[in-house]
Amino acid sequence: MENVKLIYLLSIIISLVLCHPLFSQNIKNGKDKIIADVLWKVDDSSSNLRCVIIEKDSAGDIVKTFKFYNDNLDSLIYSFEQDIYPLAVYPLNDGSDNLIIISNTVTSTIFSVYSYIKGKIVKVLQSGSKYGPPELVYENKGNGSYSIIVTNIGWAPKRNGKGEMEIAESADIYRWKNGKYIEIPNVPWSKRLNWKK
């Protein structure tokens, strides 16, 4: 009798998995592959959101589809595609209801920030740098959110005096205030972490 109960329970679990929207989509198109499923907690919603990244081969090009669902994965809220590979996707969890996606190209790092505003997902910031991913600095004073710091490259003479080399010269700081990012451009590099203005 216990074996029958176990088999019955397993068959229910397998049925639920096979009927799951993500799994069934994976089965229908053998070229699709889920490469990430990120839980996104938002204060403006009664439930959490999920950012699911699906990789698919489209005529020889690898395309990443970002799909945003409710926590139950039964309602698609927003989606977009990009052909560059994401390095990181994570919610900022700072009370801003924002999620950052950092992606890499051959020559630079690009990041986008999405916010959940009144039931919709909106891109609120996009920027990048040739000098690598942005720095995230938690501002425990003020509104208690993350500042995003993007490096600007400059040139300086090499120590041996022969030619020039790239250096981190300044930074652009993006601070979340009143539902949007405020840009503070060209902050001296050495002062970027403690910039008060």
N, C-alpha and C. Protein backbone atom coordinates (compact mmCIF):
# COMPACT_ATOMS: atom_id res chain seq x y z
N MET A 1 0.82 -1.20 0.00
CA MET A 1 0.00 0.00 0.00
C MET A 1 0.87 1.27 0.00
N GLU A 2 1.96 1.24 0.78
CA GLU A 2 2.86 2.39 0.83
C GLU A 2 3.48 2.65 -0.55
N ASN A 3 3.82 1.57 -1.28
CA ASN A 3 4.40 1.72 -2.60
C ASN A 3 3.41 2.38 -3.56
N VAL A 4 2.14 2.04 -3.46
CA VAL A 4 1.11 2.62 -4.32
C VAL A 4 1.00 4.12 -4.05
N LYS A 5 1.02 4.51 -2.76
CA LYS A 5 0.95 5.92 -2.40
C LYS A 5 2.15 6.69 -2.94
N LEU A 6 3.33 6.07 -2.82
CA LEU A 6 4.54 6.70 -3.30
C LEU A 6 4.50 6.88 -4.82
N ILE A 7 4.07 5.86 -5.54
CA ILE A 7 3.97 5.93 -7.00
C ILE A 7 2.96 7.00 -7.40
N TYR A 8 1.83 7.05 -6.69
CA TYR A 8 0.80 8.06 -6.98
C TYR A 8 1.35 9.47 -6.75
N LEU A 9 2.07 9.67 -5.63
CA LEU A 9 2.66 10.97 -5.33
C LEU A 9 3.69 11.36 -6.38
N LEU A 10 4.54 10.43 -6.78
CA LEU A 10 5.54 10.71 -7.81
C LEU A 10 4.89 11.06 -9.14
N SER A 11 3.81 10.37 -9.49
CA SER A 11 3.14 10.66 -10.76
C SER A 11 2.53 12.06 -10.76
N ILE A 12 2.02 12.50 -9.60
CA ILE A 12 1.49 13.86 -9.49
C ILE A 12 2.62 14.88 -9.65
N ILE A 13 3.73 14.64 -8.98
CA ILE A 13 4.88 15.56 -9.07
C ILE A 13 5.39 15.65 -10.50
N ILE A 14 5.54 14.50 -11.16
CA ILE A 14 6.04 14.48 -12.55
C ILE A 14 5.06 15.21 -13.46
N SER A 15 3.76 15.02 -13.25
CA SER A 15 2.76 15.71 -14.07
C SER A 15 2.84 17.21 -13.89
N LEU A 16 3.01 17.65 -12.64
CA LEU A 16 3.12 19.08 -12.39
C LEU A 16 4.36 19.67 -13.05
N VAL A 17 5.47 18.95 -12.98
CA VAL A 17 6.71 19.43 -13.60
C VAL A 17 6.57 19.51 -15.11
N LEU A 18 6.00 18.47 -15.71
CA LEU A 18 5.85 18.46 -17.17
C LEU A 18 4.88 19.52 -17.66
N CYS A 19 3.92 19.90 -16.84
CA CYS A 19 2.94 20.92 -17.22
C CYS A 19 3.41 22.32 -16.87
N HIS A 20 4.51 22.42 -16.13
CA HIS A 20 5.04 23.72 -15.74
C HIS A 20 5.36 24.51 -17.01
N PRO A 21 5.00 25.79 -17.09
CA PRO A 21 5.21 26.57 -18.32
C PRO A 21 6.64 26.55 -18.82
N LEU A 22 7.63 26.67 -17.91
CA LEU A 22 9.02 26.70 -18.36
C LEU A 22 9.46 25.35 -18.89
N PHE A 23 9.09 24.30 -18.17
CA PHE A 23 9.51 22.96 -18.58
C PHE A 23 8.87 22.57 -19.90
N SER A 24 7.57 22.86 -20.04
CA SER A 24 6.88 22.48 -21.28
C SER A 24 7.43 23.26 -22.45
N GLN A 25 7.84 24.52 -22.23
CA GLN A 25 8.44 25.29 -23.31
C GLN A 25 9.78 24.69 -23.70
N ASN A 26 10.53 24.23 -22.71
CA ASN A 26 11.81 23.59 -22.96
C ASN A 26 11.64 22.32 -23.78
N ILE A 27 10.58 21.55 -23.50
CA ILE A 27 10.34 20.30 -24.20
C ILE A 27 9.93 20.55 -25.65
N LYS A 28 9.05 21.55 -25.87
CA LYS A 28 8.50 21.80 -27.20
C LYS A 28 9.57 22.21 -28.19
N ASN A 29 10.55 22.97 -27.74
CA ASN A 29 11.59 23.45 -28.63
C ASN A 29 12.94 23.00 -28.05
N GLY A 30 13.50 21.96 -28.63
CA GLY A 30 14.73 21.37 -28.11
C GLY A 30 15.92 22.31 -28.14
N LYS A 31 15.81 23.43 -28.87
CA LYS A 31 16.92 24.37 -28.96
C LYS A 31 16.94 25.37 -27.81
N ASP A 32 15.89 25.42 -27.01
CA ASP A 32 15.82 26.35 -25.89
C ASP A 32 16.42 25.73 -24.63
N LYS A 33 17.10 26.58 -23.85
CA LYS A 33 17.70 26.10 -22.62
C LYS A 33 17.59 27.20 -21.57
N ILE A 34 17.06 26.87 -20.40
CA ILE A 34 16.98 27.83 -19.31
C ILE A 34 18.37 27.95 -18.68
N ILE A 35 18.91 29.17 -18.66
CA ILE A 35 20.24 29.35 -18.09
C ILE A 35 20.20 30.08 -16.75
N ALA A 36 19.04 30.67 -16.38
CA ALA A 36 18.92 31.31 -15.07
C ALA A 36 17.45 31.48 -14.71
N ASP A 37 17.19 31.43 -13.43
CA ASP A 37 15.85 31.69 -12.88
C ASP A 37 16.07 32.45 -11.57
N VAL A 38 15.83 33.77 -11.61
CA VAL A 38 16.16 34.64 -10.49
C VAL A 38 14.89 35.13 -9.81
N LEU A 39 14.79 34.92 -8.50
CA LEU A 39 13.66 35.41 -7.73
C LEU A 39 13.87 36.90 -7.45
N TRP A 40 12.83 37.69 -7.72
CA TRP A 40 12.91 39.14 -7.58
C TRP A 40 11.82 39.59 -6.61
N LYS A 41 12.22 39.96 -5.40
CA LYS A 41 11.26 40.41 -4.39
C LYS A 41 10.96 41.88 -4.61
N VAL A 42 9.68 42.18 -4.77
CA VAL A 42 9.29 43.58 -4.96
C VAL A 42 8.28 43.95 -3.88
N ASP A 43 8.42 45.16 -3.36
CA ASP A 43 7.52 45.63 -2.31
C ASP A 43 6.17 46.07 -2.87
N ASP A 44 6.16 46.40 -4.17
CA ASP A 44 4.95 46.93 -4.80
C ASP A 44 4.02 45.82 -5.29
N SER A 45 4.26 44.59 -4.87
CA SER A 45 3.46 43.46 -5.37
C SER A 45 3.12 42.53 -4.21
N SER A 46 2.00 41.83 -4.35
CA SER A 46 1.62 40.89 -3.30
C SER A 46 2.45 39.61 -3.37
N SER A 47 3.11 39.38 -4.49
CA SER A 47 3.97 38.21 -4.61
C SER A 47 5.28 38.62 -5.27
N ASN A 48 6.23 37.70 -5.28
CA ASN A 48 7.51 37.98 -5.90
C ASN A 48 7.41 37.82 -7.41
N LEU A 49 8.45 38.27 -8.09
CA LEU A 49 8.56 38.10 -9.54
C LEU A 49 9.71 37.15 -9.82
N ARG A 50 9.75 36.63 -11.03
CA ARG A 50 10.85 35.76 -11.46
C ARG A 50 11.39 36.28 -12.78
N CYS A 51 12.69 36.37 -12.88
CA CYS A 51 13.36 36.68 -14.15
C CYS A 51 13.98 35.39 -14.66
N VAL A 52 13.46 34.90 -15.76
CA VAL A 52 13.94 33.64 -16.34
C VAL A 52 14.67 33.97 -17.64
N ILE A 53 15.89 33.47 -17.77
CA ILE A 53 16.66 33.71 -18.98
C ILE A 53 16.73 32.41 -19.77
N ILE A 54 16.29 32.49 -21.02
CA ILE A 54 16.25 31.33 -21.89
C ILE A 54 17.21 31.57 -23.04
N GLU A 55 18.05 30.60 -23.28
CA GLU A 55 19.01 30.68 -24.38
C GLU A 55 18.47 29.86 -25.53
N LYS A 56 18.45 30.45 -26.72
CA LYS A 56 17.98 29.69 -27.88
C LYS A 56 18.87 29.96 -29.08
N ASP A 57 18.97 28.95 -29.92
CA ASP A 57 19.74 29.05 -31.15
C ASP A 57 18.80 29.50 -32.25
N SER A 58 19.02 30.70 -32.77
CA SER A 58 18.17 31.26 -33.82
C SER A 58 19.02 31.46 -35.07
N ALA A 59 18.92 30.50 -35.99
CA ALA A 59 19.66 30.55 -37.26
C ALA A 59 21.17 30.73 -37.03
N GLY A 60 21.70 29.99 -36.06
CA GLY A 60 23.14 30.02 -35.79
C GLY A 60 23.56 31.07 -34.78
N ASP A 61 22.68 32.02 -34.47
CA ASP A 61 22.99 33.04 -33.46
C ASP A 61 22.37 32.62 -32.13
N ILE A 62 23.14 32.76 -31.06
CA ILE A 62 22.61 32.44 -29.74
C ILE A 62 21.93 33.71 -29.20
N VAL A 63 20.64 33.60 -28.93
CA VAL A 63 19.85 34.73 -28.44
C VAL A 63 19.41 34.44 -27.02
N LYS A 64 19.50 35.44 -26.15
CA LYS A 64 19.03 35.30 -24.77
C LYS A 64 17.69 36.01 -24.65
N THR A 65 16.68 35.29 -24.21
CA THR A 65 15.36 35.89 -23.97
C THR A 65 15.16 36.02 -22.47
N PHE A 66 14.88 37.23 -22.04
CA PHE A 66 14.61 37.50 -20.63
C PHE A 66 13.09 37.58 -20.47
N LYS A 67 12.55 36.70 -19.63
CA LYS A 67 11.11 36.68 -19.39
C LYS A 67 10.85 36.92 -17.92
N PHE A 68 9.95 37.85 -17.65
CA PHE A 68 9.59 38.20 -16.28
C PHE A 68 8.19 37.67 -16.01
N TYR A 69 8.09 36.79 -15.01
CA TYR A 69 6.82 36.17 -14.64
C TYR A 69 6.45 36.57 -13.22
N ASN A 70 5.18 36.29 -12.87
CA ASN A 70 4.84 36.34 -11.46
C ASN A 70 5.47 35.13 -10.79
N ASP A 71 5.40 35.07 -9.47
CA ASP A 71 6.09 34.02 -8.72
C ASP A 71 5.61 32.61 -9.08
N ASN A 72 4.36 32.48 -9.49
CA ASN A 72 3.81 31.16 -9.85
C ASN A 72 4.18 30.74 -11.26
N LEU A 73 4.81 31.63 -12.01
CA LEU A 73 5.22 31.37 -13.40
C LEU A 73 4.04 31.10 -14.33
N ASP A 74 2.86 31.60 -13.98
CA ASP A 74 1.71 31.36 -14.85
C ASP A 74 1.26 32.64 -15.58
N SER A 75 1.97 33.75 -15.36
CA SER A 75 1.60 35.00 -16.01
C SER A 75 2.87 35.74 -16.45
N LEU A 76 3.06 35.86 -17.77
CA LEU A 76 4.21 36.59 -18.32
C LEU A 76 3.90 38.08 -18.24
N ILE A 77 4.80 38.85 -17.59
CA ILE A 77 4.59 40.28 -17.40
C ILE A 77 5.34 41.09 -18.45
N TYR A 78 6.56 40.65 -18.81
CA TYR A 78 7.42 41.44 -19.69
C TYR A 78 8.49 40.52 -20.24
N SER A 79 8.95 40.79 -21.46
CA SER A 79 10.07 40.02 -22.01
C SER A 79 10.84 40.86 -23.02
N PHE A 80 12.09 40.51 -23.21
CA PHE A 80 12.92 41.13 -24.25
C PHE A 80 14.03 40.16 -24.62
N GLU A 81 14.68 40.43 -25.75
CA GLU A 81 15.79 39.58 -26.22
C GLU A 81 17.05 40.40 -26.37
N GLN A 82 18.19 39.74 -26.20
CA GLN A 82 19.48 40.35 -26.51
C GLN A 82 20.43 39.26 -26.96
N ASP A 83 21.42 39.65 -27.77
CA ASP A 83 22.36 38.65 -28.28
C ASP A 83 23.67 38.63 -27.51
N ILE A 84 23.82 39.51 -26.53
CA ILE A 84 25.03 39.50 -25.70
C ILE A 84 24.76 38.71 -24.43
N TYR A 85 25.82 38.14 -23.88
CA TYR A 85 25.66 37.21 -22.76
C TYR A 85 25.58 37.93 -21.43
N PRO A 86 24.60 37.60 -20.60
CA PRO A 86 24.51 38.23 -19.28
C PRO A 86 25.57 37.67 -18.33
N LEU A 87 26.25 38.56 -17.62
CA LEU A 87 27.23 38.14 -16.60
C LEU A 87 26.56 37.95 -15.25
N ALA A 88 25.59 38.83 -14.94
CA ALA A 88 24.94 38.78 -13.64
C ALA A 88 23.53 39.37 -13.75
N VAL A 89 22.63 38.80 -12.98
CA VAL A 89 21.26 39.30 -12.87
C VAL A 89 20.89 39.20 -11.40
N TYR A 90 20.61 40.33 -10.77
CA TYR A 90 20.21 40.24 -9.38
C TYR A 90 19.39 41.45 -8.96
N PRO A 91 18.43 41.19 -8.07
CA PRO A 91 17.65 42.29 -7.50
C PRO A 91 18.52 43.10 -6.54
N LEU A 92 18.30 44.39 -6.51
CA LEU A 92 19.09 45.23 -5.61
C LEU A 92 18.60 45.12 -4.17
N ASN A 93 17.34 44.73 -3.96
CA ASN A 93 16.81 44.49 -2.60
C ASN A 93 17.12 45.64 -1.65
N ASP A 94 16.93 46.85 -2.15
CA ASP A 94 17.22 48.02 -1.32
C ASP A 94 15.99 48.90 -1.12
N GLY A 95 14.81 48.33 -1.37
CA GLY A 95 13.59 49.11 -1.25
C GLY A 95 13.21 49.85 -2.50
N SER A 96 14.01 49.72 -3.56
CA SER A 96 13.73 50.44 -4.80
C SER A 96 12.95 49.59 -5.80
N ASP A 97 12.74 48.30 -5.53
CA ASP A 97 12.09 47.38 -6.47
C ASP A 97 12.84 47.32 -7.80
N ASN A 98 14.16 47.42 -7.76
CA ASN A 98 14.98 47.41 -8.97
C ASN A 98 15.76 46.10 -9.11
N LEU A 99 16.00 45.74 -10.37
CA LEU A 99 16.79 44.56 -10.70
C LEU A 99 17.82 44.98 -11.74
N ILE A 100 19.08 44.58 -11.56
CA ILE A 100 20.14 44.96 -12.49
C ILE A 100 20.57 43.75 -13.31
N ILE A 101 20.79 44.00 -14.59
CA ILE A 101 21.30 42.96 -15.51
C ILE A 101 22.61 43.50 -16.08
N ILE A 102 23.69 42.77 -15.84
CA ILE A 102 25.01 43.17 -16.33
C ILE A 102 25.40 42.20 -17.44
N SER A 103 25.74 42.74 -18.61
CA SER A 103 26.08 41.92 -19.77
C SER A 103 27.42 42.33 -20.32
N ASN A 104 28.03 41.43 -21.08
CA ASN A 104 29.37 41.66 -21.58
C ASN A 104 29.39 41.60 -23.10
N THR A 105 30.06 42.58 -23.73
CA THR A 105 30.32 42.51 -25.16
C THR A 105 31.82 42.29 -25.33
N VAL A 106 32.28 42.29 -26.55
CA VAL A 106 33.71 42.08 -26.80
C VAL A 106 34.53 43.24 -26.23
N THR A 107 33.99 44.46 -26.30
CA THR A 107 34.77 45.63 -25.92
C THR A 107 34.32 46.33 -24.65
N SER A 108 33.16 45.98 -24.10
CA SER A 108 32.67 46.73 -22.94
C SER A 108 31.68 45.90 -22.12
N THR A 109 31.33 46.45 -20.98
CA THR A 109 30.31 45.88 -20.12
C THR A 109 29.12 46.83 -20.13
N ILE A 110 27.94 46.28 -20.33
CA ILE A 110 26.71 47.06 -20.38
C ILE A 110 25.81 46.62 -19.24
N PHE A 111 25.12 47.56 -18.62
CA PHE A 111 24.16 47.17 -17.60
C PHE A 111 22.84 47.91 -17.82
N SER A 112 21.78 47.24 -17.43
CA SER A 112 20.44 47.82 -17.48
C SER A 112 19.79 47.60 -16.13
N VAL A 113 19.00 48.57 -15.70
CA VAL A 113 18.26 48.44 -14.45
C VAL A 113 16.77 48.52 -14.79
N TYR A 114 16.04 47.54 -14.28
CA TYR A 114 14.58 47.48 -14.47
C TYR A 114 13.91 47.69 -13.13
N SER A 115 12.77 48.38 -13.17
CA SER A 115 12.02 48.64 -11.95
C SER A 115 10.58 48.17 -12.13
N TYR A 116 10.01 47.69 -11.04
CA TYR A 116 8.61 47.27 -11.04
C TYR A 116 7.79 48.44 -10.52
N ILE A 117 7.04 49.08 -11.43
CA ILE A 117 6.29 50.29 -11.10
C ILE A 117 4.82 50.10 -11.47
N LYS A 118 3.95 50.12 -10.49
CA LYS A 118 2.51 50.02 -10.69
C LYS A 118 2.13 48.84 -11.59
N GLY A 119 2.69 47.68 -11.29
CA GLY A 119 2.33 46.46 -12.01
C GLY A 119 3.03 46.26 -13.34
N LYS A 120 3.96 47.17 -13.70
CA LYS A 120 4.68 47.05 -14.96
C LYS A 120 6.18 47.04 -14.72
N ILE A 121 6.91 46.39 -15.60
CA ILE A 121 8.37 46.39 -15.54
C ILE A 121 8.88 47.41 -16.55
N VAL A 122 9.69 48.35 -16.06
CA VAL A 122 10.16 49.46 -16.87
C VAL A 122 11.68 49.55 -16.78
N LYS A 123 12.35 49.76 -17.92
CA LYS A 123 13.80 49.99 -17.89
C LYS A 123 14.03 51.43 -17.43
N VAL A 124 14.75 51.59 -16.32
CA VAL A 124 14.95 52.92 -15.75
C VAL A 124 16.37 53.45 -15.96
N LEU A 125 17.28 52.58 -16.38
CA LEU A 125 18.66 53.03 -16.60
C LEU A 125 19.39 52.04 -17.50
N GLN A 126 20.20 52.56 -18.40
CA GLN A 126 21.12 51.73 -19.18
C GLN A 126 22.39 52.52 -19.40
N SER A 127 23.51 51.88 -19.14
CA SER A 127 24.81 52.52 -19.32
C SER A 127 25.85 51.42 -19.49
N GLY A 128 27.11 51.81 -19.54
CA GLY A 128 28.17 50.83 -19.69
C GLY A 128 29.54 51.46 -19.55
N SER A 129 30.54 50.61 -19.63
CA SER A 129 31.91 51.07 -19.49
C SER A 129 32.84 50.09 -20.19
N LYS A 130 33.92 50.62 -20.73
CA LYS A 130 34.95 49.76 -21.31
C LYS A 130 35.87 49.20 -20.22
N TYR A 131 35.67 49.66 -19.00
CA TYR A 131 36.58 49.32 -17.90
C TYR A 131 36.03 48.26 -16.97
N GLY A 132 34.97 47.58 -17.36
CA GLY A 132 34.45 46.50 -16.54
C GLY A 132 33.09 46.80 -15.95
N PRO A 133 32.59 45.87 -15.14
CA PRO A 133 31.25 46.03 -14.57
C PRO A 133 31.16 47.22 -13.61
N PRO A 134 29.95 47.72 -13.37
CA PRO A 134 29.80 48.82 -12.43
C PRO A 134 30.03 48.38 -11.00
N GLU A 135 30.35 49.34 -10.16
CA GLU A 135 30.43 49.09 -8.72
C GLU A 135 29.08 49.45 -8.10
N LEU A 136 28.64 48.66 -7.15
CA LEU A 136 27.41 48.97 -6.42
C LEU A 136 27.79 49.32 -4.99
N VAL A 137 27.40 50.50 -4.55
CA VAL A 137 27.76 50.97 -3.22
C VAL A 137 26.48 51.29 -2.47
N TYR A 138 26.28 50.63 -1.34
CA TYR A 138 25.07 50.86 -0.55
C TYR A 138 25.18 52.16 0.22
N GLU A 139 24.21 53.03 0.01
CA GLU A 139 24.17 54.33 0.70
C GLU A 139 23.32 54.16 1.95
N ASN A 140 23.94 53.97 3.10
CA ASN A 140 23.15 53.77 4.31
C ASN A 140 22.61 55.08 4.87
N LYS A 141 23.05 56.19 4.31
CA LYS A 141 22.47 57.48 4.68
C LYS A 141 21.55 57.90 3.53
N GLY A 142 20.66 58.78 3.80
CA GLY A 142 19.75 59.23 2.75
C GLY A 142 18.64 58.22 2.53
N ASN A 143 18.48 57.75 1.30
CA ASN A 143 17.35 56.87 1.01
C ASN A 143 17.68 55.38 1.17
N GLY A 144 18.89 55.04 1.55
CA GLY A 144 19.23 53.64 1.80
C GLY A 144 19.14 52.76 0.59
N SER A 145 19.70 53.20 -0.53
CA SER A 145 19.67 52.39 -1.75
C SER A 145 21.08 52.30 -2.32
N TYR A 146 21.23 51.52 -3.37
CA TYR A 146 22.53 51.35 -3.99
C TYR A 146 22.81 52.47 -4.98
N SER A 147 24.01 53.02 -4.90
CA SER A 147 24.51 53.88 -5.96
C SER A 147 25.25 52.99 -6.94
N ILE A 148 25.13 53.32 -8.21
CA ILE A 148 25.82 52.56 -9.26
C ILE A 148 26.93 53.44 -9.79
N ILE A 149 28.15 52.91 -9.75
CA ILE A 149 29.32 53.69 -10.15
C ILE A 149 29.92 53.08 -11.43
N VAL A 150 30.04 53.93 -12.44
CA VAL A 150 30.57 53.50 -13.74
C VAL A 150 31.91 54.21 -13.97
N THR A 151 32.91 53.44 -14.32
CA THR A 151 34.26 53.96 -14.50
C THR A 151 34.44 54.61 -15.86
N ASN A 152 35.10 55.78 -15.86
CA ASN A 152 35.51 56.44 -17.10
C ASN A 152 37.02 56.31 -17.24
N ILE A 153 37.45 56.00 -18.44
CA ILE A 153 38.88 55.75 -18.69
C ILE A 153 39.57 57.02 -19.18
N GLY A 154 40.78 57.20 -18.71
CA GLY A 154 41.62 58.28 -19.20
C GLY A 154 42.98 57.72 -19.58
N TRP A 155 43.85 58.59 -19.98
CA TRP A 155 45.21 58.16 -20.39
C TRP A 155 46.24 58.87 -19.53
N ALA A 156 47.30 58.16 -19.21
CA ALA A 156 48.40 58.73 -18.43
C ALA A 156 49.72 58.20 -18.98
N PRO A 157 50.78 58.95 -18.81
CA PRO A 157 52.08 58.47 -19.28
C PRO A 157 52.51 57.23 -18.50
N LYS A 158 53.14 56.32 -19.21
CA LYS A 158 53.69 55.14 -18.53
C LYS A 158 54.86 55.57 -17.65
N ARG A 159 55.16 54.77 -16.65
CA ARG A 159 56.25 55.12 -15.70
C ARG A 159 57.59 55.23 -16.39
N ASN A 160 57.78 54.43 -17.42
CA ASN A 160 59.07 54.50 -18.11
C ASN A 160 59.13 55.66 -19.10
N GLY A 161 58.00 56.41 -19.21
CA GLY A 161 57.97 57.58 -20.09
C GLY A 161 57.74 57.26 -21.55
N LYS A 162 57.58 55.99 -21.88
CA LYS A 162 57.40 55.60 -23.27
C LYS A 162 55.93 55.25 -23.52
N GLY A 163 55.22 56.20 -24.08
CA GLY A 163 53.82 55.96 -24.42
C GLY A 163 52.87 56.25 -23.27
N GLU A 164 51.62 55.84 -23.48
CA GLU A 164 50.58 56.08 -22.48
C GLU A 164 49.87 54.78 -22.14
N MET A 165 49.17 54.81 -21.01
CA MET A 165 48.39 53.65 -20.61
C MET A 165 47.01 54.11 -20.12
N GLU A 166 46.04 53.19 -20.21
CA GLU A 166 44.70 53.50 -19.73
C GLU A 166 44.67 53.47 -18.21
N ILE A 167 43.95 54.44 -17.64
CA ILE A 167 43.76 54.46 -16.18
C ILE A 167 42.31 54.81 -15.88
N ALA A 168 41.87 54.46 -14.69
CA ALA A 168 40.56 54.89 -14.22
C ALA A 168 40.69 56.35 -13.82
N GLU A 169 40.05 57.23 -14.59
CA GLU A 169 40.24 58.67 -14.39
C GLU A 169 39.12 59.30 -13.57
N SER A 170 37.90 58.93 -13.88
CA SER A 170 36.75 59.48 -13.17
C SER A 170 35.63 58.45 -13.18
N ALA A 171 34.52 58.82 -12.57
CA ALA A 171 33.39 57.90 -12.51
C ALA A 171 32.09 58.69 -12.64
N ASP A 172 31.10 58.04 -13.25
CA ASP A 172 29.74 58.58 -13.24
C ASP A 172 28.98 57.81 -12.17
N ILE A 173 28.30 58.55 -11.30
CA ILE A 173 27.55 57.93 -10.21
C ILE A 173 26.06 58.10 -10.50
N TYR A 174 25.31 57.01 -10.35
CA TYR A 174 23.86 57.05 -10.51
C TYR A 174 23.23 56.74 -9.16
N ARG A 175 22.44 57.69 -8.65
CA ARG A 175 21.79 57.51 -7.35
C ARG A 175 20.28 57.48 -7.55
N TRP A 176 19.63 56.54 -6.87
CA TRP A 176 18.18 56.37 -6.94
C TRP A 176 17.52 57.40 -6.01
N LYS A 177 16.67 58.25 -6.60
CA LYS A 177 16.01 59.27 -5.80
C LYS A 177 14.64 59.57 -6.42
N ASN A 178 13.61 59.48 -5.60
CA ASN A 178 12.24 59.79 -6.02
C ASN A 178 11.82 59.01 -7.27
N GLY A 179 12.15 57.72 -7.30
CA GLY A 179 11.69 56.85 -8.37
C GLY A 179 12.47 56.93 -9.66
N LYS A 180 13.66 57.55 -9.65
CA LYS A 180 14.49 57.58 -10.86
C LYS A 180 15.96 57.73 -10.46
N TYR A 181 16.84 57.45 -11.42
CA TYR A 181 18.27 57.60 -11.18
C TYR A 181 18.70 59.01 -11.55
N ILE A 182 19.47 59.62 -10.67
CA ILE A 182 20.07 60.93 -10.91
C ILE A 182 21.55 60.69 -11.22
N GLU A 183 22.02 61.23 -12.34
CA GLU A 183 23.42 61.04 -12.73
C GLU A 183 24.29 62.16 -12.17
N ILE A 184 25.40 61.77 -11.57
CA ILE A 184 26.43 62.71 -11.13
C ILE A 184 27.66 62.38 -11.97
N PRO A 185 27.92 63.14 -13.04
CA PRO A 185 29.00 62.78 -13.97
C PRO A 185 30.38 63.24 -13.51
N ASN A 186 31.39 62.53 -13.99
CA ASN A 186 32.80 62.91 -13.87
C ASN A 186 33.27 63.21 -12.45
N VAL A 187 32.93 62.32 -11.52
CA VAL A 187 33.43 62.43 -10.15
C VAL A 187 34.88 61.94 -10.15
N PRO A 188 35.81 62.65 -9.50
CA PRO A 188 37.20 62.16 -9.46
C PRO A 188 37.25 60.72 -8.93
N TRP A 189 38.05 59.90 -9.58
CA TRP A 189 38.09 58.47 -9.29
C TRP A 189 38.35 58.17 -7.82
N SER A 190 39.29 58.87 -7.22
CA SER A 190 39.65 58.59 -5.83
C SER A 190 38.57 58.99 -4.84
N LYS A 191 37.59 59.80 -5.26
CA LYS A 191 36.54 60.26 -4.36
C LYS A 191 35.18 59.60 -4.62
N ARG A 192 35.13 58.65 -5.54
CA ARG A 192 33.85 58.10 -5.98
C ARG A 192 33.07 57.38 -4.87
N LEU A 193 33.76 56.73 -3.95
CA LEU A 193 33.07 55.95 -2.92
C LEU A 193 32.51 56.82 -1.79
N ASN A 194 33.03 58.02 -1.65
CA ASN A 194 32.60 58.91 -0.55
C ASN A 194 32.04 60.23 -1.07
N TRP A 195 31.55 60.22 -2.30
CA TRP A 195 31.06 61.47 -2.90
C TRP A 195 29.77 61.89 -2.21
N LYS A 196 29.74 63.10 -1.64
CA LYS A 196 28.61 63.55 -0.82
C LYS A 196 27.60 64.37 -1.58
N LYS A 197 27.98 64.98 -2.69
CA LYS A 197 27.08 65.91 -3.37
C LYS A 197 25.91 65.22 -4.03
